[in-house]
mmCIF file of all heavy atoms, coordinates in Angstrom:
data_MODEL
# 
_entry.id   MODEL 
# 
loop_
_atom_site.group_PDB 
_atom_site.id 
_atom_site.type_symbol 
_atom_site.label_atom_id 
_atom_site.label_alt_id 
_atom_site.label_comp_id 
_atom_site.label_asym_id 
_atom_site.label_entity_id 
_atom_site.label_seq_id 
_atom_site.pdbx_PDB_ins_code 
_atom_site.Cartn_x 
_atom_site.Cartn_y 
_atom_site.Cartn_z 
_atom_site.occupancy 
_atom_site.B_iso_or_equiv 
_atom_site.pdbx_formal_charge 
_atom_site.auth_seq_id 
_atom_site.auth_comp_id 
_atom_site.auth_asym_id 
_atom_site.auth_atom_id 
_atom_site.pdbx_PDB_model_num 
ATOM 1   N N   . THR A 1 1  ? -28.259 -5.196  -32.617 1.00 0.00 ? 1  THR A N   1 
ATOM 2   C CA  . THR A 1 1  ? -28.926 -4.620  -31.460 1.00 0.00 ? 1  THR A CA  1 
ATOM 3   C C   . THR A 1 1  ? -27.938 -4.499  -30.313 1.00 0.00 ? 1  THR A C   1 
ATOM 4   O O   . THR A 1 1  ? -26.942 -5.220  -30.253 1.00 0.00 ? 1  THR A O   1 
ATOM 5   C CB  . THR A 1 1  ? -30.115 -5.494  -31.019 1.00 0.00 ? 1  THR A CB  1 
ATOM 6   O OG1 . THR A 1 1  ? -29.639 -6.790  -30.714 1.00 0.00 ? 1  THR A OG1 1 
ATOM 7   C CG2 . THR A 1 1  ? -31.161 -5.576  -32.112 1.00 0.00 ? 1  THR A CG2 1 
ATOM 8   N N   . GLU A 1 2  ? -28.216 -3.586  -29.434 1.00 0.00 ? 2  GLU A N   1 
ATOM 9   C CA  . GLU A 1 2  ? -27.319 -3.356  -28.309 1.00 0.00 ? 2  GLU A CA  1 
ATOM 10  C C   . GLU A 1 2  ? -27.473 -4.446  -27.259 1.00 0.00 ? 2  GLU A C   1 
ATOM 11  O O   . GLU A 1 2  ? -28.553 -4.975  -27.060 1.00 0.00 ? 2  GLU A O   1 
ATOM 12  C CB  . GLU A 1 2  ? -27.627 -2.003  -27.669 1.00 0.00 ? 2  GLU A CB  1 
ATOM 13  C CG  . GLU A 1 2  ? -27.272 -0.841  -28.571 1.00 0.00 ? 2  GLU A CG  1 
ATOM 14  C CD  . GLU A 1 2  ? -27.514 0.484   -27.882 1.00 0.00 ? 2  GLU A CD  1 
ATOM 15  O OE1 . GLU A 1 2  ? -27.301 0.574   -26.659 1.00 0.00 ? 2  GLU A OE1 1 
ATOM 16  O OE2 . GLU A 1 2  ? -27.929 1.411   -28.574 1.00 0.00 ? 2  GLU A OE2 1 
ATOM 17  N N   . GLY A 1 3  ? -26.393 -4.748  -26.596 1.00 0.00 ? 3  GLY A N   1 
ATOM 18  C CA  . GLY A 1 3  ? -26.426 -5.657  -25.466 1.00 0.00 ? 3  GLY A CA  1 
ATOM 19  C C   . GLY A 1 3  ? -26.413 -7.120  -25.831 1.00 0.00 ? 3  GLY A C   1 
ATOM 20  O O   . GLY A 1 3  ? -26.393 -7.504  -26.995 1.00 0.00 ? 3  GLY A O   1 
ATOM 21  N N   . ALA A 1 4  ? -26.437 -7.909  -24.801 1.00 0.00 ? 4  ALA A N   1 
ATOM 22  C CA  . ALA A 1 4  ? -26.389 -9.363  -24.957 1.00 0.00 ? 4  ALA A CA  1 
ATOM 23  C C   . ALA A 1 4  ? -27.787 -9.930  -25.150 1.00 0.00 ? 4  ALA A C   1 
ATOM 24  O O   . ALA A 1 4  ? -28.776 -9.338  -24.758 1.00 0.00 ? 4  ALA A O   1 
ATOM 25  C CB  . ALA A 1 4  ? -25.752 -9.997  -23.722 1.00 0.00 ? 4  ALA A CB  1 
ATOM 26  N N   . SER A 1 5  ? -27.819 -11.067 -25.750 1.00 0.00 ? 5  SER A N   1 
ATOM 27  C CA  . SER A 1 5  ? -29.057 -11.819 -25.895 1.00 0.00 ? 5  SER A CA  1 
ATOM 28  C C   . SER A 1 5  ? -28.914 -13.081 -25.061 1.00 0.00 ? 5  SER A C   1 
ATOM 29  O O   . SER A 1 5  ? -27.979 -13.866 -25.265 1.00 0.00 ? 5  SER A O   1 
ATOM 30  C CB  . SER A 1 5  ? -29.272 -12.175 -27.363 1.00 0.00 ? 5  SER A CB  1 
ATOM 31  O OG  . SER A 1 5  ? -30.384 -13.022 -27.502 1.00 0.00 ? 5  SER A OG  1 
ATOM 32  N N   . TRP A 1 6  ? -29.793 -13.266 -24.112 1.00 0.00 ? 6  TRP A N   1 
ATOM 33  C CA  . TRP A 1 6  ? -29.713 -14.413 -23.213 1.00 0.00 ? 6  TRP A CA  1 
ATOM 34  C C   . TRP A 1 6  ? -30.701 -15.479 -23.642 1.00 0.00 ? 6  TRP A C   1 
ATOM 35  O O   . TRP A 1 6  ? -31.830 -15.181 -24.024 1.00 0.00 ? 6  TRP A O   1 
ATOM 36  C CB  . TRP A 1 6  ? -30.015 -13.978 -21.782 1.00 0.00 ? 6  TRP A CB  1 
ATOM 37  C CG  . TRP A 1 6  ? -28.986 -13.026 -21.268 1.00 0.00 ? 6  TRP A CG  1 
ATOM 38  C CD1 . TRP A 1 6  ? -29.053 -11.660 -21.279 1.00 0.00 ? 6  TRP A CD1 1 
ATOM 39  C CD2 . TRP A 1 6  ? -27.717 -13.359 -20.712 1.00 0.00 ? 6  TRP A CD2 1 
ATOM 40  N NE1 . TRP A 1 6  ? -27.906 -11.132 -20.755 1.00 0.00 ? 6  TRP A NE1 1 
ATOM 41  C CE2 . TRP A 1 6  ? -27.069 -12.150 -20.399 1.00 0.00 ? 6  TRP A CE2 1 
ATOM 42  C CE3 . TRP A 1 6  ? -27.060 -14.554 -20.444 1.00 0.00 ? 6  TRP A CE3 1 
ATOM 43  C CZ2 . TRP A 1 6  ? -25.809 -12.101 -19.833 1.00 0.00 ? 6  TRP A CZ2 1 
ATOM 44  C CZ3 . TRP A 1 6  ? -25.803 -14.503 -19.875 1.00 0.00 ? 6  TRP A CZ3 1 
ATOM 45  C CH2 . TRP A 1 6  ? -25.188 -13.301 -19.573 1.00 0.00 ? 6  TRP A CH2 1 
ATOM 46  N N   . ASN A 1 7  ? -30.252 -16.719 -23.594 1.00 0.00 ? 7  ASN A N   1 
ATOM 47  C CA  . ASN A 1 7  ? -31.101 -17.858 -23.948 1.00 0.00 ? 7  ASN A CA  1 
ATOM 48  C C   . ASN A 1 7  ? -31.027 -18.901 -22.847 1.00 0.00 ? 7  ASN A C   1 
ATOM 49  O O   . ASN A 1 7  ? -29.949 -19.170 -22.318 1.00 0.00 ? 7  ASN A O   1 
ATOM 50  C CB  . ASN A 1 7  ? -30.623 -18.506 -25.254 1.00 0.00 ? 7  ASN A CB  1 
ATOM 51  C CG  . ASN A 1 7  ? -30.816 -17.614 -26.441 1.00 0.00 ? 7  ASN A CG  1 
ATOM 52  O OD1 . ASN A 1 7  ? -31.902 -17.530 -26.977 1.00 0.00 ? 7  ASN A OD1 1 
ATOM 53  N ND2 . ASN A 1 7  ? -29.778 -16.922 -26.862 1.00 0.00 ? 7  ASN A ND2 1 
ATOM 54  N N   . ARG A 1 8  ? -32.160 -19.489 -22.539 1.00 0.00 ? 8  ARG A N   1 
ATOM 55  C CA  . ARG A 1 8  ? -32.166 -20.663 -21.665 1.00 0.00 ? 8  ARG A CA  1 
ATOM 56  C C   . ARG A 1 8  ? -31.940 -21.861 -22.571 1.00 0.00 ? 8  ARG A C   1 
ATOM 57  O O   . ARG A 1 8  ? -32.603 -22.022 -23.595 1.00 0.00 ? 8  ARG A O   1 
ATOM 58  C CB  . ARG A 1 8  ? -33.497 -20.803 -20.940 1.00 0.00 ? 8  ARG A CB  1 
ATOM 59  C CG  . ARG A 1 8  ? -33.688 -19.702 -19.893 1.00 0.00 ? 8  ARG A CG  1 
ATOM 60  C CD  . ARG A 1 8  ? -34.863 -19.975 -19.041 1.00 0.00 ? 8  ARG A CD  1 
ATOM 61  N NE  . ARG A 1 8  ? -34.430 -20.999 -18.077 1.00 0.00 ? 8  ARG A NE  1 
ATOM 62  C CZ  . ARG A 1 8  ? -35.233 -21.528 -17.182 1.00 0.00 ? 8  ARG A CZ  1 
ATOM 63  N NH1 . ARG A 1 8  ? -36.487 -21.183 -17.121 1.00 0.00 ? 8  ARG A NH1 1 
ATOM 64  N NH2 . ARG A 1 8  ? -34.785 -22.432 -16.336 1.00 0.00 ? 8  ARG A NH2 1 
ATOM 65  N N   . CYS A 1 9  ? -30.987 -22.705 -22.200 1.00 0.00 ? 9  CYS A N   1 
ATOM 66  C CA  . CYS A 1 9  ? -30.580 -23.812 -23.062 1.00 0.00 ? 9  CYS A CA  1 
ATOM 67  C C   . CYS A 1 9  ? -30.695 -25.155 -22.346 1.00 0.00 ? 9  CYS A C   1 
ATOM 68  O O   . CYS A 1 9  ? -30.497 -25.238 -21.139 1.00 0.00 ? 9  CYS A O   1 
ATOM 69  C CB  . CYS A 1 9  ? -29.123 -23.635 -23.497 1.00 0.00 ? 9  CYS A CB  1 
ATOM 70  S SG  . CYS A 1 9  ? -28.796 -22.082 -24.324 1.00 0.00 ? 9  CYS A SG  1 
ATOM 71  N N   . ALA A 1 10 ? -30.988 -26.177 -23.116 1.00 0.00 ? 10 ALA A N   1 
ATOM 72  C CA  . ALA A 1 10 ? -30.930 -27.564 -22.662 1.00 0.00 ? 10 ALA A CA  1 
ATOM 73  C C   . ALA A 1 10 ? -30.095 -28.298 -23.709 1.00 0.00 ? 10 ALA A C   1 
ATOM 74  O O   . ALA A 1 10 ? -30.571 -28.561 -24.808 1.00 0.00 ? 10 ALA A O   1 
ATOM 75  C CB  . ALA A 1 10 ? -32.325 -28.168 -22.552 1.00 0.00 ? 10 ALA A CB  1 
ATOM 76  N N   . LEU A 1 11 ? -28.845 -28.567 -23.374 1.00 0.00 ? 11 LEU A N   1 
ATOM 77  C CA  . LEU A 1 11 ? -27.916 -29.065 -24.379 1.00 0.00 ? 11 LEU A CA  1 
ATOM 78  C C   . LEU A 1 11 ? -27.724 -30.578 -24.373 1.00 0.00 ? 11 LEU A C   1 
ATOM 79  O O   . LEU A 1 11 ? -26.786 -31.088 -24.992 1.00 0.00 ? 11 LEU A O   1 
ATOM 80  C CB  . LEU A 1 11 ? -26.564 -28.355 -24.235 1.00 0.00 ? 11 LEU A CB  1 
ATOM 81  C CG  . LEU A 1 11 ? -26.632 -26.848 -24.452 1.00 0.00 ? 11 LEU A CG  1 
ATOM 82  C CD1 . LEU A 1 11 ? -25.264 -26.215 -24.256 1.00 0.00 ? 11 LEU A CD1 1 
ATOM 83  C CD2 . LEU A 1 11 ? -27.188 -26.511 -25.827 1.00 0.00 ? 11 LEU A CD2 1 
ATOM 84  N N   . GLN A 1 12 ? -28.633 -31.283 -23.717 1.00 0.00 ? 12 GLN A N   1 
ATOM 85  C CA  . GLN A 1 12 ? -28.599 -32.742 -23.800 1.00 0.00 ? 12 GLN A CA  1 
ATOM 86  C C   . GLN A 1 12 ? -30.024 -33.272 -23.675 1.00 0.00 ? 12 GLN A C   1 
ATOM 87  O O   . GLN A 1 12 ? -30.422 -33.822 -22.662 1.00 0.00 ? 12 GLN A O   1 
ATOM 88  C CB  . GLN A 1 12 ? -27.705 -33.364 -22.738 1.00 0.00 ? 12 GLN A CB  1 
ATOM 89  C CG  . GLN A 1 12 ? -27.480 -34.840 -22.981 1.00 0.00 ? 12 GLN A CG  1 
ATOM 90  C CD  . GLN A 1 12 ? -26.486 -35.456 -22.022 1.00 0.00 ? 12 GLN A CD  1 
ATOM 91  O OE1 . GLN A 1 12 ? -26.068 -34.853 -21.050 1.00 0.00 ? 12 GLN A OE1 1 
ATOM 92  N NE2 . GLN A 1 12 ? -26.107 -36.686 -22.302 1.00 0.00 ? 12 GLN A NE2 1 
ATOM 93  N N   . VAL A 1 13 ? -30.771 -33.088 -24.735 1.00 0.00 ? 13 VAL A N   1 
ATOM 94  C CA  . VAL A 1 13 ? -32.146 -33.568 -24.789 1.00 0.00 ? 13 VAL A CA  1 
ATOM 95  C C   . VAL A 1 13 ? -32.130 -34.884 -25.572 1.00 0.00 ? 13 VAL A C   1 
ATOM 96  O O   . VAL A 1 13 ? -31.694 -34.924 -26.716 1.00 0.00 ? 13 VAL A O   1 
ATOM 97  C CB  . VAL A 1 13 ? -33.077 -32.535 -25.471 1.00 0.00 ? 13 VAL A CB  1 
ATOM 98  C CG1 . VAL A 1 13 ? -34.484 -33.077 -25.593 1.00 0.00 ? 13 VAL A CG1 1 
ATOM 99  C CG2 . VAL A 1 13 ? -33.057 -31.219 -24.697 1.00 0.00 ? 13 VAL A CG2 1 
ATOM 100 N N   . ASN A 1 14 ? -32.587 -35.940 -24.926 1.00 0.00 ? 14 ASN A N   1 
ATOM 101 C CA  . ASN A 1 14 ? -32.564 -37.257 -25.570 1.00 0.00 ? 14 ASN A CA  1 
ATOM 102 C C   . ASN A 1 14 ? -33.839 -37.514 -26.360 1.00 0.00 ? 14 ASN A C   1 
ATOM 103 O O   . ASN A 1 14 ? -34.926 -37.193 -25.898 1.00 0.00 ? 14 ASN A O   1 
ATOM 104 C CB  . ASN A 1 14 ? -32.408 -38.366 -24.527 1.00 0.00 ? 14 ASN A CB  1 
ATOM 105 C CG  . ASN A 1 14 ? -31.080 -38.305 -23.810 1.00 0.00 ? 14 ASN A CG  1 
ATOM 106 O OD1 . ASN A 1 14 ? -31.034 -38.220 -22.596 1.00 0.00 ? 14 ASN A OD1 1 
ATOM 107 N ND2 . ASN A 1 14 ? -29.991 -38.346 -24.536 1.00 0.00 ? 14 ASN A ND2 1 
ATOM 108 N N   . PRO A 1 15 ? -33.722 -38.115 -27.537 1.00 0.00 ? 15 PRO A N   1 
ATOM 109 C CA  . PRO A 1 15 ? -34.900 -38.489 -28.320 1.00 0.00 ? 15 PRO A CA  1 
ATOM 110 C C   . PRO A 1 15 ? -35.565 -39.735 -27.743 1.00 0.00 ? 15 PRO A C   1 
ATOM 111 O O   . PRO A 1 15 ? -35.009 -40.433 -26.897 1.00 0.00 ? 15 PRO A O   1 
ATOM 112 C CB  . PRO A 1 15 ? -34.319 -38.759 -29.708 1.00 0.00 ? 15 PRO A CB  1 
ATOM 113 C CG  . PRO A 1 15 ? -32.924 -39.210 -29.442 1.00 0.00 ? 15 PRO A CG  1 
ATOM 114 C CD  . PRO A 1 15 ? -32.469 -38.442 -28.236 1.00 0.00 ? 15 PRO A CD  1 
ATOM 115 N N   . PHE A 1 16 ? -36.755 -40.014 -28.219 1.00 0.00 ? 16 PHE A N   1 
ATOM 116 C CA  . PHE A 1 16 ? -37.545 -41.159 -27.754 1.00 0.00 ? 16 PHE A CA  1 
ATOM 117 C C   . PHE A 1 16 ? -36.780 -42.474 -27.888 1.00 0.00 ? 16 PHE A C   1 
ATOM 118 O O   . PHE A 1 16 ? -36.827 -43.311 -26.993 1.00 0.00 ? 16 PHE A O   1 
ATOM 119 C CB  . PHE A 1 16 ? -38.847 -41.224 -28.566 1.00 0.00 ? 16 PHE A CB  1 
ATOM 120 C CG  . PHE A 1 16 ? -39.804 -42.280 -28.097 1.00 0.00 ? 16 PHE A CG  1 
ATOM 121 C CD1 . PHE A 1 16 ? -40.540 -42.104 -26.943 1.00 0.00 ? 16 PHE A CD1 1 
ATOM 122 C CD2 . PHE A 1 16 ? -39.981 -43.441 -28.836 1.00 0.00 ? 16 PHE A CD2 1 
ATOM 123 C CE1 . PHE A 1 16 ? -41.445 -43.070 -26.511 1.00 0.00 ? 16 PHE A CE1 1 
ATOM 124 C CE2 . PHE A 1 16 ? -40.874 -44.418 -28.414 1.00 0.00 ? 16 PHE A CE2 1 
ATOM 125 C CZ  . PHE A 1 16 ? -41.614 -44.229 -27.250 1.00 0.00 ? 16 PHE A CZ  1 
ATOM 126 N N   . SER A 1 17 ? -36.047 -42.639 -28.974 1.00 0.00 ? 17 SER A N   1 
ATOM 127 C CA  . SER A 1 17 ? -35.324 -43.897 -29.189 1.00 0.00 ? 17 SER A CA  1 
ATOM 128 C C   . SER A 1 17 ? -34.287 -44.156 -28.091 1.00 0.00 ? 17 SER A C   1 
ATOM 129 O O   . SER A 1 17 ? -33.966 -45.302 -27.801 1.00 0.00 ? 17 SER A O   1 
ATOM 130 C CB  . SER A 1 17 ? -34.652 -43.907 -30.564 1.00 0.00 ? 17 SER A CB  1 
ATOM 131 O OG  . SER A 1 17 ? -33.715 -42.860 -30.646 1.00 0.00 ? 17 SER A OG  1 
ATOM 132 N N   . TYR A 1 18 ? -33.760 -43.091 -27.486 1.00 0.00 ? 18 TYR A N   1 
ATOM 133 C CA  . TYR A 1 18 ? -32.818 -43.251 -26.373 1.00 0.00 ? 18 TYR A CA  1 
ATOM 134 C C   . TYR A 1 18 ? -33.496 -43.987 -25.221 1.00 0.00 ? 18 TYR A C   1 
ATOM 135 O O   . TYR A 1 18 ? -32.905 -44.875 -24.609 1.00 0.00 ? 18 TYR A O   1 
ATOM 136 C CB  . TYR A 1 18 ? -32.305 -41.885 -25.895 1.00 0.00 ? 18 TYR A CB  1 
ATOM 137 C CG  . TYR A 1 18 ? -31.536 -41.976 -24.601 1.00 0.00 ? 18 TYR A CG  1 
ATOM 138 C CD1 . TYR A 1 18 ? -30.188 -42.297 -24.594 1.00 0.00 ? 18 TYR A CD1 1 
ATOM 139 C CD2 . TYR A 1 18 ? -32.166 -41.762 -23.378 1.00 0.00 ? 18 TYR A CD2 1 
ATOM 140 C CE1 . TYR A 1 18 ? -29.483 -42.401 -23.404 1.00 0.00 ? 18 TYR A CE1 1 
ATOM 141 C CE2 . TYR A 1 18 ? -31.473 -41.863 -22.186 1.00 0.00 ? 18 TYR A CE2 1 
ATOM 142 C CZ  . TYR A 1 18 ? -30.131 -42.183 -22.200 1.00 0.00 ? 18 TYR A CZ  1 
ATOM 143 O OH  . TYR A 1 18 ? -29.447 -42.296 -21.026 1.00 0.00 ? 18 TYR A OH  1 
ATOM 144 N N   . LEU A 1 19 ? -34.737 -43.614 -24.917 1.00 0.00 ? 19 LEU A N   1 
ATOM 145 C CA  . LEU A 1 19 ? -35.470 -44.268 -23.830 1.00 0.00 ? 19 LEU A CA  1 
ATOM 146 C C   . LEU A 1 19 ? -35.632 -45.752 -24.112 1.00 0.00 ? 19 LEU A C   1 
ATOM 147 O O   . LEU A 1 19 ? -35.378 -46.590 -23.247 1.00 0.00 ? 19 LEU A O   1 
ATOM 148 C CB  . LEU A 1 19 ? -36.846 -43.617 -23.648 1.00 0.00 ? 19 LEU A CB  1 
ATOM 149 C CG  . LEU A 1 19 ? -36.871 -42.136 -23.322 1.00 0.00 ? 19 LEU A CG  1 
ATOM 150 C CD1 . LEU A 1 19 ? -38.314 -41.640 -23.259 1.00 0.00 ? 19 LEU A CD1 1 
ATOM 151 C CD2 . LEU A 1 19 ? -36.148 -41.844 -22.032 1.00 0.00 ? 19 LEU A CD2 1 
ATOM 152 N N   . GLU A 1 20 ? -36.068 -46.049 -25.330 1.00 0.00 ? 20 GLU A N   1 
ATOM 153 C CA  . GLU A 1 20 ? -36.280 -47.446 -25.700 1.00 0.00 ? 20 GLU A CA  1 
ATOM 154 C C   . GLU A 1 20 ? -34.987 -48.254 -25.651 1.00 0.00 ? 20 GLU A C   1 
ATOM 155 O O   . GLU A 1 20 ? -34.960 -49.361 -25.132 1.00 0.00 ? 20 GLU A O   1 
ATOM 156 C CB  . GLU A 1 20 ? -36.878 -47.526 -27.100 1.00 0.00 ? 20 GLU A CB  1 
ATOM 157 C CG  . GLU A 1 20 ? -38.291 -46.980 -27.191 1.00 0.00 ? 20 GLU A CG  1 
ATOM 158 C CD  . GLU A 1 20 ? -38.841 -47.046 -28.597 1.00 0.00 ? 20 GLU A CD  1 
ATOM 159 O OE1 . GLU A 1 20 ? -38.129 -46.671 -29.553 1.00 0.00 ? 20 GLU A OE1 1 
ATOM 160 O OE2 . GLU A 1 20 ? -39.993 -47.494 -28.743 1.00 0.00 ? 20 GLU A OE2 1 
ATOM 161 N N   . ALA A 1 21 ? -33.915 -47.700 -26.181 1.00 0.00 ? 21 ALA A N   1 
ATOM 162 C CA  . ALA A 1 21 ? -32.642 -48.416 -26.264 1.00 0.00 ? 21 ALA A CA  1 
ATOM 163 C C   . ALA A 1 21 ? -31.996 -48.640 -24.904 1.00 0.00 ? 21 ALA A C   1 
ATOM 164 O O   . ALA A 1 21 ? -31.192 -49.560 -24.740 1.00 0.00 ? 21 ALA A O   1 
ATOM 165 C CB  . ALA A 1 21 ? -31.676 -47.657 -27.175 1.00 0.00 ? 21 ALA A CB  1 
ATOM 166 N N   . ASN A 1 22 ? -32.349 -47.808 -23.924 1.00 0.00 ? 22 ASN A N   1 
ATOM 167 C CA  . ASN A 1 22 ? -31.720 -47.897 -22.613 1.00 0.00 ? 22 ASN A CA  1 
ATOM 168 C C   . ASN A 1 22 ? -32.661 -48.401 -21.523 1.00 0.00 ? 22 ASN A C   1 
ATOM 169 O O   . ASN A 1 22 ? -32.411 -48.195 -20.338 1.00 0.00 ? 22 ASN A O   1 
ATOM 170 C CB  . ASN A 1 22 ? -31.127 -46.537 -22.232 1.00 0.00 ? 22 ASN A CB  1 
ATOM 171 C CG  . ASN A 1 22 ? -29.937 -46.209 -23.092 1.00 0.00 ? 22 ASN A CG  1 
ATOM 172 O OD1 . ASN A 1 22 ? -28.849 -46.728 -22.886 1.00 0.00 ? 22 ASN A OD1 1 
ATOM 173 N ND2 . ASN A 1 22 ? -30.142 -45.382 -24.112 1.00 0.00 ? 22 ASN A ND2 1 
ATOM 174 N N   . GLY A 1 23 ? -33.734 -49.064 -21.948 1.00 0.00 ? 23 GLY A N   1 
ATOM 175 C CA  . GLY A 1 23 ? -34.632 -49.710 -21.001 1.00 0.00 ? 23 GLY A CA  1 
ATOM 176 C C   . GLY A 1 23 ? -35.407 -48.763 -20.105 1.00 0.00 ? 23 GLY A C   1 
ATOM 177 O O   . GLY A 1 23 ? -35.870 -49.151 -19.035 1.00 0.00 ? 23 GLY A O   1 
ATOM 178 N N   . LYS A 1 24 ? -35.573 -47.518 -20.535 1.00 0.00 ? 24 LYS A N   1 
ATOM 179 C CA  . LYS A 1 24 ? -36.362 -46.548 -19.763 1.00 0.00 ? 24 LYS A CA  1 
ATOM 180 C C   . LYS A 1 24 ? -37.831 -46.765 -20.091 1.00 0.00 ? 24 LYS A C   1 
ATOM 181 O O   . LYS A 1 24 ? -38.195 -47.090 -21.207 1.00 0.00 ? 24 LYS A O   1 
ATOM 182 C CB  . LYS A 1 24 ? -35.964 -45.114 -20.103 1.00 0.00 ? 24 LYS A CB  1 
ATOM 183 C CG  . LYS A 1 24 ? -34.474 -44.819 -20.027 1.00 0.00 ? 24 LYS A CG  1 
ATOM 184 C CD  . LYS A 1 24 ? -33.972 -44.831 -18.623 1.00 0.00 ? 24 LYS A CD  1 
ATOM 185 C CE  . LYS A 1 24 ? -32.491 -44.467 -18.598 1.00 0.00 ? 24 LYS A CE  1 
ATOM 186 N NZ  . LYS A 1 24 ? -31.894 -44.630 -17.318 1.00 0.00 ? 24 LYS A NZ  1 
ATOM 187 N N   . SER A 1 25 ? -38.676 -46.557 -19.119 1.00 0.00 ? 25 SER A N   1 
ATOM 188 C CA  . SER A 1 25 ? -40.104 -46.755 -19.317 1.00 0.00 ? 25 SER A CA  1 
ATOM 189 C C   . SER A 1 25 ? -40.674 -45.707 -20.269 1.00 0.00 ? 25 SER A C   1 
ATOM 190 O O   . SER A 1 25 ? -40.449 -44.513 -20.101 1.00 0.00 ? 25 SER A O   1 
ATOM 191 C CB  . SER A 1 25 ? -40.842 -46.679 -17.986 1.00 0.00 ? 25 SER A CB  1 
ATOM 192 O OG  . SER A 1 25 ? -42.236 -46.747 -18.200 1.00 0.00 ? 25 SER A OG  1 
ATOM 193 N N   . THR A 1 26 ? -41.410 -46.160 -21.259 1.00 0.00 ? 26 THR A N   1 
ATOM 194 C CA  . THR A 1 26 ? -42.101 -45.258 -22.176 1.00 0.00 ? 26 THR A CA  1 
ATOM 195 C C   . THR A 1 26 ? -43.603 -45.398 -22.014 1.00 0.00 ? 26 THR A C   1 
ATOM 196 O O   . THR A 1 26 ? -44.367 -44.802 -22.765 1.00 0.00 ? 26 THR A O   1 
ATOM 197 C CB  . THR A 1 26 ? -41.704 -45.557 -23.636 1.00 0.00 ? 26 THR A CB  1 
ATOM 198 O OG1 . THR A 1 26 ? -42.060 -46.918 -23.953 1.00 0.00 ? 26 THR A OG1 1 
ATOM 199 C CG2 . THR A 1 26 ? -40.229 -45.336 -23.875 1.00 0.00 ? 26 THR A CG2 1 
# 
């Protein structure tokens, strides 16, 4: 297809276990 394709990205999404392991409130 012609032209660029733009995407909104989030390149550092942490999983639930990250919260638990780092003392974040769940």
